[in-house]
Amino acid sequence: MTAVYKNFLPAPHFQAMQELFLTEKIPWHYNNRVVTTAQHFMFTHTFMNDGRVVNPHFFAPVQAMLDLIQRKKHFIGVSRIKANLYTNQGEAIEHPAHHDIPPDADVSDKYCIGVYHVNACNGYTVIGDRKIRSRENQLILFNNVSHYGTVQTDTDTRVVINFNLRTRE
């Protein structure tokens, strides 16, 4: 199951998200690896980890997205919500394929992954053999299967918000 929702957020909410993520308002943290490789880097901001809110100060606009996601895909819990910011590195870079919840975990088949694109660029997300370009205000929901993202070359940044949602007990 892979579903793509264009114009996911209502205009005022989307504008607030862009203002938060594409300006100096939110603090970004350097991460010297993407997935498991030390050859790539990104900046991140974690909102939830292991089902707990990490930074309540910036959480409200992201938390409001959960009700809208619930209308598209029923979930019973949230494991992690993290924003990723990729900088333009002058070349298209594909990150390693991965599962957000490792396949050897007993619960890996009980999760749904969400990738929300804050801005448009020529970066993309690959799920199986499907390549989905980054379009602003677009949400992708898919089962916890192998996937990967890329670094863009046409904008300074590519910002996505990653959701790990528990769908079944």
N, C-alpha and C. Protein backbone atom coordinates (compact mmCIF):
# COMPACT_ATOMS: atom_id res chain seq x y z
N MET A 1 0.83 -1.18 0.00
CA MET A 1 0.00 0.00 0.00
C MET A 1 0.88 1.24 0.00
N THR A 2 0.79 2.04 -1.02
CA THR A 2 1.42 3.35 -1.07
C THR A 2 0.37 4.33 -1.55
N ALA A 3 0.13 5.36 -0.75
CA ALA A 3 -0.86 6.38 -1.11
C ALA A 3 -0.18 7.75 -1.08
N VAL A 4 -0.49 8.57 -2.07
CA VAL A 4 0.07 9.92 -2.17
C VAL A 4 -1.09 10.91 -2.08
N TYR A 5 -0.97 11.85 -1.15
CA TYR A 5 -2.01 12.86 -0.94
C TYR A 5 -1.42 14.24 -1.25
N LYS A 6 -1.85 14.82 -2.36
CA LYS A 6 -1.41 16.16 -2.74
C LYS A 6 -2.25 17.19 -2.01
N ASN A 7 -1.67 18.37 -1.78
CA ASN A 7 -2.36 19.45 -1.05
C ASN A 7 -2.96 18.92 0.25
N PHE A 8 -2.13 18.22 1.00
CA PHE A 8 -2.59 17.51 2.20
C PHE A 8 -3.12 18.44 3.28
N LEU A 9 -2.39 19.50 3.59
CA LEU A 9 -2.81 20.41 4.65
C LEU A 9 -3.63 21.57 4.09
N PRO A 10 -4.60 22.07 4.86
CA PRO A 10 -5.28 23.30 4.45
C PRO A 10 -4.26 24.44 4.32
N ALA A 11 -4.53 25.38 3.45
CA ALA A 11 -3.58 26.46 3.13
C ALA A 11 -2.99 27.16 4.36
N PRO A 12 -3.79 27.58 5.36
CA PRO A 12 -3.18 28.27 6.50
C PRO A 12 -2.20 27.38 7.30
N HIS A 13 -2.55 26.12 7.45
CA HIS A 13 -1.67 25.19 8.17
C HIS A 13 -0.39 24.95 7.37
N PHE A 14 -0.53 24.77 6.06
CA PHE A 14 0.63 24.57 5.21
C PHE A 14 1.57 25.78 5.26
N GLN A 15 1.00 26.98 5.19
CA GLN A 15 1.83 28.20 5.26
C GLN A 15 2.57 28.28 6.59
N ALA A 16 1.91 27.89 7.68
CA ALA A 16 2.56 27.89 8.99
C ALA A 16 3.70 26.87 9.02
N MET A 17 3.51 25.73 8.37
CA MET A 17 4.57 24.71 8.32
C MET A 17 5.77 25.23 7.53
N GLN A 18 5.52 25.87 6.40
CA GLN A 18 6.63 26.40 5.63
C GLN A 18 7.36 27.50 6.41
N GLU A 19 6.62 28.33 7.08
CA GLU A 19 7.25 29.39 7.88
C GLU A 19 8.12 28.79 8.99
N LEU A 20 7.65 27.72 9.60
CA LEU A 20 8.43 27.07 10.65
C LEU A 20 9.67 26.39 10.11
N PHE A 21 9.51 25.61 9.04
CA PHE A 21 10.60 24.75 8.57
C PHE A 21 11.54 25.40 7.57
N LEU A 22 11.11 26.47 6.90
CA LEU A 22 11.94 27.07 5.86
C LEU A 22 12.50 28.43 6.27
N THR A 23 12.44 28.74 7.55
CA THR A 23 13.04 29.96 8.07
C THR A 23 13.96 29.59 9.23
N GLU A 24 14.43 30.59 9.92
CA GLU A 24 15.37 30.35 11.03
C GLU A 24 14.67 29.99 12.33
N LYS A 25 13.36 29.80 12.32
CA LYS A 25 12.62 29.57 13.57
C LYS A 25 12.95 28.27 14.27
N ILE A 26 13.10 27.21 13.52
CA ILE A 26 13.30 25.90 14.15
C ILE A 26 14.79 25.59 14.23
N PRO A 27 15.26 25.06 15.33
CA PRO A 27 16.67 24.67 15.42
C PRO A 27 16.90 23.33 14.72
N TRP A 28 17.90 23.28 13.89
CA TRP A 28 18.29 22.06 13.19
C TRP A 28 19.56 21.51 13.81
N HIS A 29 19.69 20.21 13.84
CA HIS A 29 20.84 19.55 14.46
C HIS A 29 21.57 18.72 13.41
N TYR A 30 22.86 18.92 13.33
CA TYR A 30 23.69 18.20 12.35
C TYR A 30 23.71 16.72 12.69
N ASN A 31 23.50 15.90 11.68
CA ASN A 31 23.56 14.45 11.83
C ASN A 31 24.58 13.96 10.81
N ASN A 32 25.63 13.35 11.25
CA ASN A 32 26.74 12.99 10.36
C ASN A 32 26.51 11.70 9.58
N ARG A 33 25.27 11.21 9.60
CA ARG A 33 24.96 10.04 8.78
C ARG A 33 23.48 10.06 8.40
N VAL A 34 23.19 9.43 7.30
CA VAL A 34 21.81 9.22 6.86
C VAL A 34 21.63 7.71 6.84
N VAL A 35 20.68 7.22 7.58
CA VAL A 35 20.44 5.79 7.76
C VAL A 35 21.63 5.19 8.48
N THR A 36 22.50 4.45 7.80
CA THR A 36 23.61 3.78 8.49
C THR A 36 24.97 4.14 7.93
N THR A 37 25.03 5.04 7.01
CA THR A 37 26.31 5.33 6.38
C THR A 37 26.89 6.65 6.87
N ALA A 38 28.17 6.67 7.07
CA ALA A 38 28.85 7.90 7.50
C ALA A 38 29.24 8.76 6.30
N GLN A 39 28.89 8.34 5.09
CA GLN A 39 29.26 9.09 3.89
C GLN A 39 28.26 10.17 3.54
N HIS A 40 27.14 10.22 4.23
CA HIS A 40 26.11 11.20 3.95
C HIS A 40 25.80 11.98 5.22
N PHE A 41 25.19 13.16 5.07
CA PHE A 41 24.82 13.94 6.23
C PHE A 41 23.49 14.63 5.99
N MET A 42 22.89 15.09 7.07
CA MET A 42 21.65 15.86 6.99
C MET A 42 21.51 16.63 8.30
N PHE A 43 20.50 17.47 8.36
CA PHE A 43 20.14 18.15 9.59
C PHE A 43 18.78 17.62 10.01
N THR A 44 18.57 17.45 11.31
CA THR A 44 17.32 16.86 11.78
C THR A 44 16.74 17.68 12.93
N HIS A 45 15.46 17.48 13.12
CA HIS A 45 14.78 17.99 14.31
C HIS A 45 13.79 16.92 14.73
N THR A 46 14.00 16.34 15.90
CA THR A 46 13.14 15.27 16.39
C THR A 46 12.04 15.85 17.26
N PHE A 47 10.81 15.48 16.93
CA PHE A 47 9.64 15.92 17.70
C PHE A 47 9.21 14.86 18.70
N MET A 48 9.21 13.61 18.25
CA MET A 48 8.87 12.49 19.12
C MET A 48 9.87 11.37 18.88
N ASN A 49 10.19 10.66 19.97
CA ASN A 49 11.05 9.49 19.86
C ASN A 49 10.57 8.48 20.89
N ASP A 50 10.46 7.24 20.48
CA ASP A 50 9.94 6.17 21.35
C ASP A 50 8.59 6.55 21.95
N GLY A 51 7.76 7.25 21.17
CA GLY A 51 6.42 7.60 21.61
C GLY A 51 6.33 8.77 22.57
N ARG A 52 7.45 9.45 22.82
CA ARG A 52 7.47 10.59 23.75
C ARG A 52 7.83 11.87 23.03
N VAL A 53 7.16 12.94 23.39
CA VAL A 53 7.46 14.24 22.82
C VAL A 53 8.82 14.70 23.33
N VAL A 54 9.70 15.07 22.41
CA VAL A 54 11.05 15.50 22.75
C VAL A 54 11.11 17.01 22.96
N ASN A 55 10.43 17.76 22.10
CA ASN A 55 10.47 19.21 22.18
C ASN A 55 9.06 19.77 22.02
N PRO A 56 8.36 20.03 23.11
CA PRO A 56 6.97 20.50 23.01
C PRO A 56 6.84 21.90 22.42
N HIS A 57 7.92 22.69 22.44
CA HIS A 57 7.85 24.07 21.96
C HIS A 57 7.43 24.16 20.49
N PHE A 58 7.94 23.28 19.64
CA PHE A 58 7.66 23.32 18.21
C PHE A 58 6.70 22.22 17.77
N PHE A 59 6.12 21.50 18.70
CA PHE A 59 5.35 20.30 18.37
C PHE A 59 3.94 20.57 17.87
N ALA A 60 3.30 21.64 18.27
CA ALA A 60 1.88 21.87 17.97
C ALA A 60 1.52 21.76 16.49
N PRO A 61 2.21 22.41 15.55
CA PRO A 61 1.80 22.31 14.14
C PRO A 61 1.98 20.89 13.58
N VAL A 62 2.98 20.18 14.08
CA VAL A 62 3.20 18.81 13.62
C VAL A 62 2.15 17.89 14.26
N GLN A 63 1.86 18.11 15.53
CA GLN A 63 0.85 17.30 16.21
C GLN A 63 -0.51 17.45 15.53
N ALA A 64 -0.83 18.64 15.05
CA ALA A 64 -2.10 18.87 14.37
C ALA A 64 -2.21 18.05 13.09
N MET A 65 -1.09 17.66 12.52
CA MET A 65 -1.10 16.83 11.32
C MET A 65 -1.60 15.42 11.62
N LEU A 66 -1.42 14.97 12.86
CA LEU A 66 -1.77 13.59 13.20
C LEU A 66 -3.27 13.32 13.02
N ASP A 67 -4.12 14.28 13.37
CA ASP A 67 -5.56 14.09 13.17
C ASP A 67 -5.88 13.93 11.69
N LEU A 68 -5.23 14.70 10.85
CA LEU A 68 -5.47 14.60 9.40
C LEU A 68 -4.94 13.29 8.83
N ILE A 69 -3.80 12.83 9.34
CA ILE A 69 -3.26 11.55 8.89
C ILE A 69 -4.19 10.42 9.33
N GLN A 70 -4.73 10.53 10.56
CA GLN A 70 -5.63 9.51 11.09
C GLN A 70 -6.84 9.31 10.16
N ARG A 71 -7.27 10.36 9.48
CA ARG A 71 -8.41 10.25 8.55
C ARG A 71 -8.04 9.45 7.30
N LYS A 72 -6.75 9.38 6.99
CA LYS A 72 -6.29 8.64 5.82
C LYS A 72 -5.88 7.21 6.16
N LYS A 73 -5.28 7.04 7.33
CA LYS A 73 -4.78 5.72 7.74
C LYS A 73 -4.91 5.62 9.25
N HIS A 74 -5.74 4.69 9.71
CA HIS A 74 -5.94 4.53 11.15
C HIS A 74 -4.65 4.02 11.79
N PHE A 75 -4.25 4.68 12.86
CA PHE A 75 -3.09 4.22 13.62
C PHE A 75 -3.42 4.31 15.10
N ILE A 76 -2.70 3.52 15.90
CA ILE A 76 -2.98 3.45 17.33
C ILE A 76 -1.88 4.09 18.17
N GLY A 77 -0.80 4.49 17.55
CA GLY A 77 0.28 5.13 18.28
C GLY A 77 1.32 5.71 17.35
N VAL A 78 2.16 6.55 17.91
CA VAL A 78 3.23 7.19 17.15
C VAL A 78 4.55 6.83 17.82
N SER A 79 5.45 6.25 17.06
CA SER A 79 6.76 5.89 17.59
C SER A 79 7.74 7.05 17.46
N ARG A 80 7.77 7.66 16.26
CA ARG A 80 8.73 8.73 16.02
C ARG A 80 8.19 9.72 15.00
N ILE A 81 8.51 10.98 15.22
CA ILE A 81 8.28 12.04 14.22
C ILE A 81 9.57 12.85 14.16
N LYS A 82 10.13 12.93 12.96
CA LYS A 82 11.41 13.62 12.80
C LYS A 82 11.41 14.37 11.48
N ALA A 83 11.89 15.59 11.49
CA ALA A 83 12.08 16.36 10.27
C ALA A 83 13.51 16.21 9.80
N ASN A 84 13.68 16.08 8.49
CA ASN A 84 15.00 15.98 7.88
C ASN A 84 15.18 17.13 6.91
N LEU A 85 16.32 17.78 6.99
CA LEU A 85 16.68 18.85 6.08
C LEU A 85 17.94 18.43 5.34
N TYR A 86 17.83 18.35 4.02
CA TYR A 86 18.97 18.00 3.18
C TYR A 86 19.43 19.26 2.46
N THR A 87 20.73 19.49 2.42
CA THR A 87 21.26 20.64 1.72
C THR A 87 21.67 20.24 0.30
N ASN A 88 21.63 21.20 -0.59
CA ASN A 88 22.07 20.99 -1.96
C ASN A 88 23.59 20.76 -1.93
N GLN A 89 24.01 19.60 -2.42
CA GLN A 89 25.43 19.26 -2.41
C GLN A 89 26.02 19.25 -3.82
N GLY A 90 25.28 19.85 -4.77
CA GLY A 90 25.80 19.99 -6.12
C GLY A 90 25.67 18.75 -6.98
N GLU A 91 25.15 17.68 -6.42
CA GLU A 91 24.92 16.46 -7.18
C GLU A 91 23.78 15.68 -6.54
N ALA A 92 23.08 14.91 -7.35
CA ALA A 92 21.99 14.08 -6.83
C ALA A 92 22.61 12.92 -6.05
N ILE A 93 22.19 12.74 -4.83
CA ILE A 93 22.71 11.67 -3.99
C ILE A 93 21.54 10.82 -3.52
N GLU A 94 21.60 9.52 -3.79
CA GLU A 94 20.59 8.59 -3.29
C GLU A 94 21.10 7.99 -1.99
N HIS A 95 20.28 8.05 -0.97
CA HIS A 95 20.66 7.48 0.32
C HIS A 95 20.39 5.98 0.32
N PRO A 96 20.95 5.25 1.25
CA PRO A 96 20.75 3.80 1.28
C PRO A 96 19.28 3.41 1.53
N ALA A 97 18.87 2.34 0.90
CA ALA A 97 17.53 1.81 1.14
C ALA A 97 17.48 1.26 2.56
N HIS A 98 16.32 1.40 3.19
CA HIS A 98 16.17 0.97 4.58
C HIS A 98 14.71 0.78 4.93
N HIS A 99 14.47 0.16 6.06
CA HIS A 99 13.15 0.08 6.70
C HIS A 99 13.24 0.98 7.92
N ASP A 100 12.23 1.79 8.20
CA ASP A 100 12.27 2.62 9.41
C ASP A 100 12.21 1.76 10.66
N ILE A 101 11.41 0.70 10.62
CA ILE A 101 11.36 -0.28 11.70
C ILE A 101 12.05 -1.52 11.13
N PRO A 102 13.17 -1.97 11.73
CA PRO A 102 13.92 -3.09 11.15
C PRO A 102 13.05 -4.32 10.91
N PRO A 103 13.23 -4.99 9.76
CA PRO A 103 12.39 -6.14 9.43
C PRO A 103 12.51 -7.29 10.42
N ASP A 104 13.63 -7.36 11.13
CA ASP A 104 13.78 -8.45 12.10
C ASP A 104 13.09 -8.15 13.44
N ALA A 105 12.53 -6.96 13.58
CA ALA A 105 11.75 -6.64 14.79
C ALA A 105 10.40 -7.34 14.68
N ASP A 106 9.94 -7.87 15.79
CA ASP A 106 8.67 -8.61 15.79
C ASP A 106 7.48 -7.75 15.36
N VAL A 107 7.61 -6.44 15.41
CA VAL A 107 6.49 -5.55 15.12
C VAL A 107 6.65 -4.80 13.80
N SER A 108 7.63 -5.12 13.00
CA SER A 108 7.92 -4.34 11.80
C SER A 108 6.74 -4.28 10.83
N ASP A 109 5.92 -5.31 10.80
CA ASP A 109 4.78 -5.32 9.88
C ASP A 109 3.57 -4.59 10.44
N LYS A 110 3.71 -4.02 11.62
CA LYS A 110 2.60 -3.34 12.27
C LYS A 110 2.75 -1.82 12.22
N TYR A 111 3.59 -1.35 11.31
CA TYR A 111 3.84 0.09 11.20
C TYR A 111 3.54 0.60 9.81
N CYS A 112 3.14 1.85 9.78
CA CYS A 112 2.95 2.61 8.55
C CYS A 112 3.93 3.78 8.62
N ILE A 113 4.50 4.13 7.48
CA ILE A 113 5.45 5.22 7.41
C ILE A 113 4.80 6.38 6.66
N GLY A 114 5.01 7.59 7.16
CA GLY A 114 4.54 8.78 6.47
C GLY A 114 5.72 9.67 6.14
N VAL A 115 5.74 10.20 4.93
CA VAL A 115 6.75 11.17 4.52
C VAL A 115 5.99 12.38 3.99
N TYR A 116 6.16 13.50 4.66
CA TYR A 116 5.49 14.74 4.26
C TYR A 116 6.53 15.68 3.66
N HIS A 117 6.26 16.17 2.45
CA HIS A 117 7.17 17.09 1.78
C HIS A 117 6.77 18.53 2.10
N VAL A 118 7.66 19.25 2.76
CA VAL A 118 7.41 20.64 3.11
C VAL A 118 7.60 21.54 1.90
N ASN A 119 8.58 21.23 1.06
CA ASN A 119 8.84 22.07 -0.11
C ASN A 119 9.01 21.22 -1.36
N ALA A 120 8.87 21.86 -2.50
CA ALA A 120 9.04 21.19 -3.79
C ALA A 120 10.50 21.29 -4.22
N CYS A 121 10.98 20.23 -4.84
CA CYS A 121 12.34 20.21 -5.38
C CYS A 121 12.47 18.97 -6.27
N ASN A 122 13.64 18.77 -6.84
CA ASN A 122 13.83 17.59 -7.68
C ASN A 122 14.31 16.38 -6.90
N GLY A 123 14.32 16.46 -5.57
CA GLY A 123 14.56 15.28 -4.75
C GLY A 123 13.34 14.39 -4.80
N TYR A 124 13.49 13.17 -4.35
CA TYR A 124 12.37 12.24 -4.40
C TYR A 124 12.52 11.15 -3.35
N THR A 125 11.44 10.41 -3.17
CA THR A 125 11.40 9.26 -2.28
C THR A 125 11.11 8.05 -3.15
N VAL A 126 11.85 6.96 -2.94
CA VAL A 126 11.65 5.73 -3.69
C VAL A 126 11.13 4.66 -2.74
N ILE A 127 9.98 4.10 -3.10
CA ILE A 127 9.36 3.03 -2.32
C ILE A 127 9.18 1.85 -3.27
N GLY A 128 9.95 0.79 -3.03
CA GLY A 128 9.94 -0.32 -3.98
C GLY A 128 10.46 0.17 -5.31
N ASP A 129 9.67 0.03 -6.36
CA ASP A 129 10.09 0.53 -7.68
C ASP A 129 9.37 1.83 -8.05
N ARG A 130 8.72 2.45 -7.06
CA ARG A 130 7.97 3.69 -7.32
C ARG A 130 8.78 4.91 -6.86
N LYS A 131 9.00 5.84 -7.76
CA LYS A 131 9.74 7.07 -7.48
C LYS A 131 8.74 8.21 -7.37
N ILE A 132 8.70 8.87 -6.20
CA ILE A 132 7.74 9.93 -5.95
C ILE A 132 8.50 11.23 -5.72
N ARG A 133 8.33 12.17 -6.62
CA ARG A 133 9.03 13.46 -6.54
C ARG A 133 8.51 14.28 -5.37
N SER A 134 9.38 15.10 -4.82
CA SER A 134 9.02 16.00 -3.72
C SER A 134 8.16 17.14 -4.25
N ARG A 135 6.94 17.18 -3.80
CA ARG A 135 6.02 18.27 -4.12
C ARG A 135 5.58 18.89 -2.81
N GLU A 136 5.55 20.20 -2.74
CA GLU A 136 5.17 20.83 -1.48
C GLU A 136 3.77 20.41 -1.05
N ASN A 137 3.63 20.27 0.26
CA ASN A 137 2.35 19.93 0.88
C ASN A 137 1.82 18.57 0.42
N GLN A 138 2.72 17.63 0.24
CA GLN A 138 2.36 16.28 -0.20
C GLN A 138 2.72 15.28 0.88
N LEU A 139 1.80 14.36 1.15
CA LEU A 139 2.03 13.29 2.12
C LEU A 139 2.02 11.95 1.40
N ILE A 140 3.00 11.13 1.73
CA ILE A 140 3.06 9.75 1.24
C ILE A 140 2.87 8.85 2.46
N LEU A 141 1.96 7.90 2.37
CA LEU A 141 1.77 6.89 3.40
C LEU A 141 2.04 5.52 2.78
N PHE A 142 2.83 4.70 3.47
CA PHE A 142 3.15 3.38 2.94
C PHE A 142 3.50 2.43 4.07
N ASN A 143 3.39 1.13 3.76
CA ASN A 143 3.76 0.12 4.74
C ASN A 143 5.25 0.23 5.02
N ASN A 144 5.67 -0.35 6.12
CA ASN A 144 7.08 -0.32 6.50
C ASN A 144 7.89 -1.25 5.59
N VAL A 145 8.14 -0.77 4.38
CA VAL A 145 8.91 -1.52 3.40
C VAL A 145 10.18 -0.75 3.09
N SER A 146 11.07 -1.38 2.36
CA SER A 146 12.32 -0.74 1.98
C SER A 146 12.04 0.51 1.15
N HIS A 147 12.75 1.59 1.49
CA HIS A 147 12.58 2.86 0.79
C HIS A 147 13.84 3.70 1.00
N TYR A 148 13.93 4.79 0.25
CA TYR A 148 15.04 5.73 0.45
C TYR A 148 14.67 7.08 -0.15
N GLY A 149 15.42 8.08 0.26
CA GLY A 149 15.25 9.43 -0.25
C GLY A 149 16.53 9.90 -0.91
N THR A 150 16.45 11.10 -1.47
CA THR A 150 17.59 11.65 -2.18
C THR A 150 17.84 13.10 -1.78
N VAL A 151 19.00 13.56 -2.17
CA VAL A 151 19.36 14.97 -2.03
C VAL A 151 19.02 15.65 -3.36
N GLN A 152 18.50 16.85 -3.27
CA GLN A 152 18.09 17.62 -4.44
C GLN A 152 19.24 18.46 -4.98
N THR A 153 19.06 18.94 -6.23
CA THR A 153 20.08 19.81 -6.82
C THR A 153 19.51 21.15 -7.30
N ASP A 154 18.20 21.33 -7.20
CA ASP A 154 17.60 22.55 -7.76
C ASP A 154 17.16 23.57 -6.72
N THR A 155 17.23 23.25 -5.46
CA THR A 155 16.90 24.18 -4.38
C THR A 155 17.98 24.08 -3.31
N ASP A 156 18.05 25.07 -2.44
CA ASP A 156 19.04 25.03 -1.37
C ASP A 156 18.78 23.90 -0.39
N THR A 157 17.49 23.63 -0.12
CA THR A 157 17.14 22.61 0.86
C THR A 157 15.99 21.74 0.38
N ARG A 158 15.94 20.55 0.94
CA ARG A 158 14.79 19.65 0.81
C ARG A 158 14.39 19.30 2.23
N VAL A 159 13.12 19.58 2.61
CA VAL A 159 12.66 19.31 3.97
C VAL A 159 11.51 18.33 3.92
N VAL A 160 11.65 17.24 4.68
CA VAL A 160 10.59 16.25 4.80
C VAL A 160 10.36 15.98 6.29
N ILE A 161 9.14 15.58 6.61
CA ILE A 161 8.82 15.15 7.97
C ILE A 161 8.48 13.68 7.88
N ASN A 162 9.14 12.89 8.71
CA ASN A 162 8.99 11.45 8.71
C ASN A 162 8.18 11.01 9.93
N PHE A 163 7.11 10.23 9.68
CA PHE A 163 6.25 9.71 10.74
C PHE A 163 6.35 8.20 10.78
N ASN A 164 6.56 7.62 11.96
CA ASN A 164 6.49 6.17 12.16
C ASN A 164 5.26 5.91 13.02
N LEU A 165 4.23 5.31 12.39
CA LEU A 165 2.92 5.17 13.01
C LEU A 165 2.60 3.69 13.26
N ARG A 166 2.25 3.37 14.49
CA ARG A 166 1.86 1.99 14.83
C ARG A 166 0.41 1.79 14.39
N THR A 167 0.18 0.80 13.53
CA THR A 167 -1.15 0.60 12.97
C THR A 167 -1.91 -0.58 13.58
N ARG A 168 -1.22 -1.53 14.14
CA ARG A 168 -1.88 -2.71 14.69
C ARG A 168 -1.20 -3.14 15.98
N GLU A 169 -1.95 -3.91 16.76
CA GLU A 169 -1.36 -4.47 17.99
C GLU A 169 -0.75 -5.80 17.70
